[in-house]
Protein backbone atom coordinates (compact mmCIF):
# COMPACT_ATOMS: atom_id res chain seq x y z
CA MET A 1 -37.36 42.60 -53.15
CA GLN A 2 -36.58 45.32 -50.69
CA HIS A 3 -39.84 44.92 -49.52
CA ASN A 4 -40.22 41.10 -48.95
CA GLN A 5 -37.00 41.02 -46.96
CA THR A 6 -38.54 43.67 -44.79
CA THR A 7 -41.45 41.87 -44.31
CA THR A 8 -39.25 38.60 -43.42
CA THR A 9 -37.27 40.75 -40.93
CA ILE A 10 -40.28 41.54 -39.21
CA MET A 11 -41.92 38.43 -38.95
CA LYS A 12 -38.50 36.66 -37.37
CA LEU A 13 -38.44 40.12 -35.05
CA ILE A 14 -42.62 39.17 -33.93
CA ILE A 15 -41.79 35.41 -34.05
CA SER A 16 -38.82 36.25 -31.47
CA ILE A 17 -40.70 38.32 -29.09
CA LEU A 18 -43.28 36.00 -29.19
CA LEU A 19 -40.91 32.85 -28.24
CA ALA A 20 -39.13 35.11 -25.36
CA GLY A 21 -42.43 35.93 -23.83
CA LEU A 22 -43.85 32.32 -24.02
CA ILE A 23 -40.36 31.01 -22.48
CA LEU A 24 -40.82 33.55 -19.83
CA VAL A 25 -44.13 32.50 -18.86
CA LEU A 26 -43.11 28.84 -18.64
CA MET A 27 -40.27 30.04 -16.33
CA ASN A 28 -42.36 31.85 -14.23
CA SER A 29 -45.47 29.21 -13.83
CA CYS A 30 -42.62 26.56 -12.78
CA SER A 31 -40.59 29.02 -10.39
CA PHE A 32 -42.77 30.10 -8.20
CA LEU A 33 -43.38 26.60 -6.33
CA LYS A 34 -40.53 26.16 -3.63
CA PRO A 35 -39.57 22.63 -2.86
CA VAL A 36 -41.60 21.19 -0.24
CA LYS A 37 -39.71 21.34 3.53
CA TYR A 38 -40.55 18.19 5.05
CA ALA A 39 -40.39 17.30 8.44
CA ASN A 40 -39.01 14.23 7.93
CA ARG A 41 -40.89 12.26 10.60
CA GLU A 42 -41.69 8.64 10.77
CA TRP A 43 -45.25 7.50 10.90
CA HIS A 44 -47.35 4.80 11.43
CA ILE A 45 -50.90 3.80 11.38
CA SER A 46 -52.36 2.47 14.57
CA GLY A 47 -54.81 -0.16 14.62
CA SER A 48 -55.35 0.11 18.05
CA PHE A 49 -56.51 4.18 17.94
CA GLY A 50 -57.45 4.41 14.56
CA GLN A 51 -55.00 7.13 14.10
CA ILE A 52 -51.53 7.99 12.32
CA ILE A 53 -48.65 8.40 15.10
CA ASP A 54 -45.37 9.57 14.42
CA LYS A 55 -42.29 7.97 15.96
CA ASP A 56 -41.55 9.55 19.26
CA THR A 57 -45.30 9.87 19.80
CA THR A 58 -45.36 14.01 19.62
CA TYR A 59 -48.16 13.68 17.28
CA ARG A 60 -51.09 11.38 16.96
CA MET A 61 -53.56 12.59 14.25
CA THR A 62 -57.20 11.56 13.46
CA PHE A 63 -59.19 11.31 10.33
CA GLY A 64 -62.32 10.57 12.21
CA LYS A 65 -64.68 7.77 11.79
CA VAL A 66 -62.93 5.68 9.47
CA LEU A 67 -61.45 2.90 8.09
CA MET A 68 -57.53 3.25 7.96
CA ALA A 69 -55.19 0.84 5.83
CA VAL A 70 -52.08 0.22 8.16
CA ASP A 71 -50.54 0.11 4.19
CA GLN A 72 -51.73 3.22 3.02
CA PRO A 73 -49.37 5.63 1.39
CA ILE A 74 -47.92 8.57 3.58
CA ILE A 75 -45.81 11.35 1.90
CA SER A 76 -43.98 12.96 4.84
CA CYS A 77 -40.45 12.86 3.02
CA SER A 78 -38.89 13.46 -0.37
CA ASP A 79 -38.38 9.87 -1.00
CA SER A 80 -41.78 8.93 -0.25
CA ALA A 81 -43.02 11.60 -2.68
CA ALA A 82 -40.60 10.42 -5.21
CA LYS A 83 -42.62 7.33 -5.50
CA TYR A 84 -45.33 9.00 -7.52
CA PRO A 85 -44.47 11.05 -10.49
CA GLY A 86 -45.70 14.69 -9.95
CA MET A 87 -46.65 14.28 -6.15
CA GLU A 88 -44.09 16.81 -4.64
CA LYS A 89 -45.17 19.39 -7.31
CA PHE A 90 -48.83 18.70 -6.51
CA ILE A 91 -48.27 19.05 -2.93
CA SER A 92 -45.69 22.35 -3.28
CA ASP A 93 -49.25 24.08 -5.33
CA ILE A 94 -51.46 23.04 -2.53
CA MET A 95 -49.23 25.16 0.36
CA TYR A 96 -48.28 27.84 -1.81
CA THR A 97 -52.43 28.17 -2.61
CA ALA A 98 -52.78 28.07 1.03
CA GLY A 99 -49.60 30.14 1.90
CA LEU A 100 -47.83 27.94 3.77
CA GLU A 101 -44.82 27.31 1.29
CA ASN A 102 -42.48 28.63 4.02
CA ASP A 103 -43.62 25.96 6.40
CA GLU A 104 -43.03 22.70 7.31
CA LEU A 105 -45.28 19.75 5.84
CA LEU A 106 -45.79 16.78 8.67
CA PHE A 107 -47.57 14.50 6.18
CA TYR A 108 -49.82 14.27 3.52
CA SER A 109 -52.22 10.93 3.11
CA PRO A 110 -53.80 10.90 -0.37
CA GLU A 111 -56.08 8.43 0.73
CA HIS A 112 -58.12 10.40 3.32
CA GLY A 113 -56.92 14.28 1.41
CA ARG A 114 -55.71 15.40 4.08
CA MET A 115 -52.16 17.26 5.09
CA PHE A 116 -50.62 18.75 8.18
CA VAL A 117 -48.38 21.59 8.21
CA ARG A 118 -46.25 22.57 11.44
CA LEU A 119 -45.96 26.40 10.85
CA ILE A 120 -42.35 27.97 11.23
CA ASP A 121 -43.01 31.56 10.70
CA GLU A 122 -45.89 33.63 12.40
CA ARG A 123 -48.92 33.68 9.48
CA PRO A 124 -49.46 37.38 8.39
CA PRO A 125 -52.78 39.02 8.84
CA LEU A 126 -55.36 37.64 6.71
CA ARG A 127 -59.15 37.54 6.73
CA PRO A 128 -60.41 34.02 7.11
CA SER A 129 -63.77 32.65 5.83
CA SER A 130 -64.73 31.97 9.11
CA LEU A 131 -63.58 32.37 12.68
CA THR A 132 -64.34 29.81 15.67
CA ALA A 133 -63.79 31.38 19.35
CA ASN A 134 -63.80 29.33 22.88
CA MET A 135 -61.81 26.09 21.15
CA PRO A 136 -60.79 25.26 24.69
CA ALA A 137 -64.49 24.53 25.66
CA LEU A 138 -64.06 21.11 23.79
CA MET A 139 -61.61 19.72 26.72
CA LEU A 140 -64.60 20.62 29.32
CA ASN A 141 -67.09 17.88 28.17
CA ASN A 142 -69.99 20.41 28.62
CA GLU A 143 -72.76 20.83 26.53
CA ASN A 144 -73.65 24.14 27.77
CA GLU A 145 -70.02 25.05 26.73
CA GLN A 146 -69.00 24.84 23.17
CA PRO A 147 -66.97 26.70 20.43
CA TYR A 148 -69.05 28.92 18.62
CA THR A 149 -68.11 29.78 14.79
CA CYS A 150 -68.56 33.38 13.39
CA TRP A 151 -68.87 34.14 9.46
CA ILE A 152 -66.33 36.80 8.19
CA TYR A 153 -67.28 38.96 5.74
CA GLN A 154 -65.68 41.69 3.51
CA ASP A 155 -66.80 44.52 5.49
CA ASP A 156 -65.33 43.21 9.05
CA ILE A 157 -62.50 44.97 9.87
CA GLU A 158 -60.42 43.62 12.60
CA PRO A 159 -56.37 42.77 13.00
CA TRP A 160 -56.78 39.38 12.07
CA PHE A 161 -54.58 37.56 14.28
CA ARG A 162 -55.40 34.46 15.37
CA LYS A 163 -55.08 33.77 19.14
CA PRO A 164 -54.46 30.35 20.96
CA GLU A 165 -58.12 29.87 21.63
CA GLU A 166 -59.35 30.57 18.04
CA MET A 167 -59.52 28.33 14.79
CA TYR A 168 -59.46 30.45 11.54
CA THR A 169 -60.42 28.81 8.30
CA TYR A 170 -59.61 29.69 4.68
CA THR A 171 -61.28 28.51 1.66
CA TYR A 172 -60.03 27.98 -2.32
CA PHE A 173 -61.52 26.66 -4.90
CA ASP A 174 -59.42 26.20 -8.45
CA LYS A 175 -62.49 25.12 -11.58
CA LYS A 176 -59.38 24.23 -13.74
CA LYS A 177 -57.57 22.14 -11.40
CA GLN A 178 -60.98 20.51 -9.92
CA CYS A 179 -60.07 21.08 -6.43
CA ILE A 180 -61.57 22.54 -2.85
CA LEU A 181 -59.05 23.71 -0.29
CA VAL A 182 -60.35 23.86 3.21
CA VAL A 183 -57.10 25.41 5.49
CA ASP A 184 -57.97 25.02 9.34
CA PHE A 185 -55.59 26.93 11.68
CA TYR A 186 -55.37 26.05 15.04
CA ASP A 187 -52.73 25.19 17.94
CA TYR A 188 -51.94 21.56 18.33
CA GLY A 189 -51.04 21.29 22.25
CA ASP A 190 -48.71 24.85 21.98
CA THR A 191 -47.95 24.47 18.40
CA PRO A 192 -49.63 26.37 15.58
CA ILE A 193 -50.63 24.08 12.59
CA ALA A 194 -52.69 23.89 9.41
CA GLU A 195 -54.70 20.94 8.61
CA ILE A 196 -55.48 21.17 5.07
CA PHE A 197 -58.93 19.09 3.41
CA VAL A 198 -57.80 18.36 -0.23
CA TYR A 199 -60.94 17.66 -2.20
CA GLN A 200 -59.65 17.05 -5.56
CA SER A 201 -61.52 15.20 -8.24
CA ARG A 202 -59.78 12.82 -10.72
CA ASN A 203 -57.95 14.39 -13.65
CA LYS A 204 -55.00 14.13 -15.85
CA MET A 205 -52.70 15.80 -13.06
CA THR A 206 -54.02 12.71 -10.53
CA ASP A 207 -53.44 10.15 -13.08
CA ARG A 208 -49.67 10.79 -13.92
CA ILE A 209 -48.96 10.71 -10.38
CA LYS A 210 -50.01 6.83 -10.66
CA LEU A 211 -52.02 6.94 -7.19
CA PRO A 212 -54.56 3.41 -7.29
CA VAL A 213 -57.97 5.45 -8.11
CA CYS A 214 -59.11 4.26 -5.23
CA LEU A 215 -57.01 6.47 -3.22
CA TRP A 216 -58.68 9.84 -4.58
CA THR A 217 -61.52 9.90 -2.17
CA PHE A 218 -63.54 12.19 -4.48
CA SER A 219 -62.65 10.63 -7.97
CA LYS A 220 -66.26 9.96 -8.52
CA HIS A 221 -67.34 13.36 -8.23
CA ASN A 222 -65.95 15.80 -10.81
CA LEU A 223 -65.72 19.73 -9.39
CA LYS A 224 -65.80 20.40 -13.21
CA ASP A 225 -69.26 19.60 -13.08
CA TYR A 226 -70.20 20.38 -9.02
CA LYS A 227 -73.61 21.46 -9.61
CA ARG A 228 -74.72 18.33 -10.21
CA ASP A 229 -73.15 16.94 -6.79
CA ILE A 230 -74.18 20.03 -4.43
CA GLU A 231 -75.63 17.88 -1.78
CA PHE A 232 -71.83 15.61 -1.75
CA TRP A 233 -69.91 18.61 -1.89
CA SER A 234 -71.22 20.33 1.13
CA TYR A 235 -71.38 17.44 3.24
CA VAL A 236 -67.67 16.47 2.74
CA VAL A 237 -66.51 20.19 3.37
CA ASN A 238 -69.10 20.69 6.16
CA ALA A 239 -67.20 17.93 7.75
CA HIS A 240 -63.65 19.27 8.57
CA ARG A 241 -64.76 21.43 11.40
CA LYS A 242 -65.79 18.53 13.40
CA ASN A 243 -62.25 16.91 12.43
CA ALA A 244 -60.24 19.88 13.33
CA PHE A 245 -62.11 20.14 16.63
CA GLU A 246 -60.85 16.23 17.33
CA ASN A 247 -57.37 17.03 16.25
CA TYR A 248 -57.51 19.84 18.87
CA LYS A 249 -58.55 17.68 21.71
CA ILE A 250 -55.75 15.43 20.72
CA GLY A 251 -53.19 17.88 20.77
CA GLN A 252 -54.24 19.43 24.10
CA GLU A 253 -54.30 15.86 25.38
CA GLN A 254 -50.48 15.45 24.32
CA LEU A 255 -49.99 18.96 25.85
CA LYS A 256 -50.92 17.24 29.33
CA LYS A 257 -48.78 14.44 28.93
CA LYS A 258 -45.40 16.56 28.48
CA LYS A 259 -46.35 18.60 31.58
């Protein structure tokens, strides 16, 4: 009898420890995500320019030569995020992954898989995957004077503080979440920003958010089986630099208007 009681006590203790551990893991998994800091700016789609523009025209952004529906969802405040269950957590997770959880979200366009973030704090030095130099050459319209990109390797030793004339690019791949992030850091005018390209496959999480399937641009391409679509993914990922260049140029144009 005594043996059975001892065994029962030990089992209860083990179960209690396991439950405590599980609760701790669940708490940690939820608590590391900070609430999204929104810039709370009003945005509209310009049919004339094919751009998204904020109310006081401080910012104009382009997604490239794509059709832009004027009624597409633009997530730029807690109210717009609240329309889609789990949207804020989705955005917060992306910003945390990119090291931007303390910065300010200008907006997120689910249809184009694009986030723009205004940097509040100076980004700590971190080795990028690539560095693009001579960005001001984009304003010269001179074929002989262009930006150039260098690939960065583990044994490259530099201070890794980005200069205003440079663009740093970082890449992240999460096979479980079926998501690729490409994050370009550059100056929009004289404001440091991050442009995040979100390449997200359709999964249970995206279905919970309840956006129309057509708004998940890459819903037909499953990143769990990325080897089948290598050409597709290489094509869409490669497009990020050209679009970042276009927005850099717009930012410089906006800056000239201020002066």
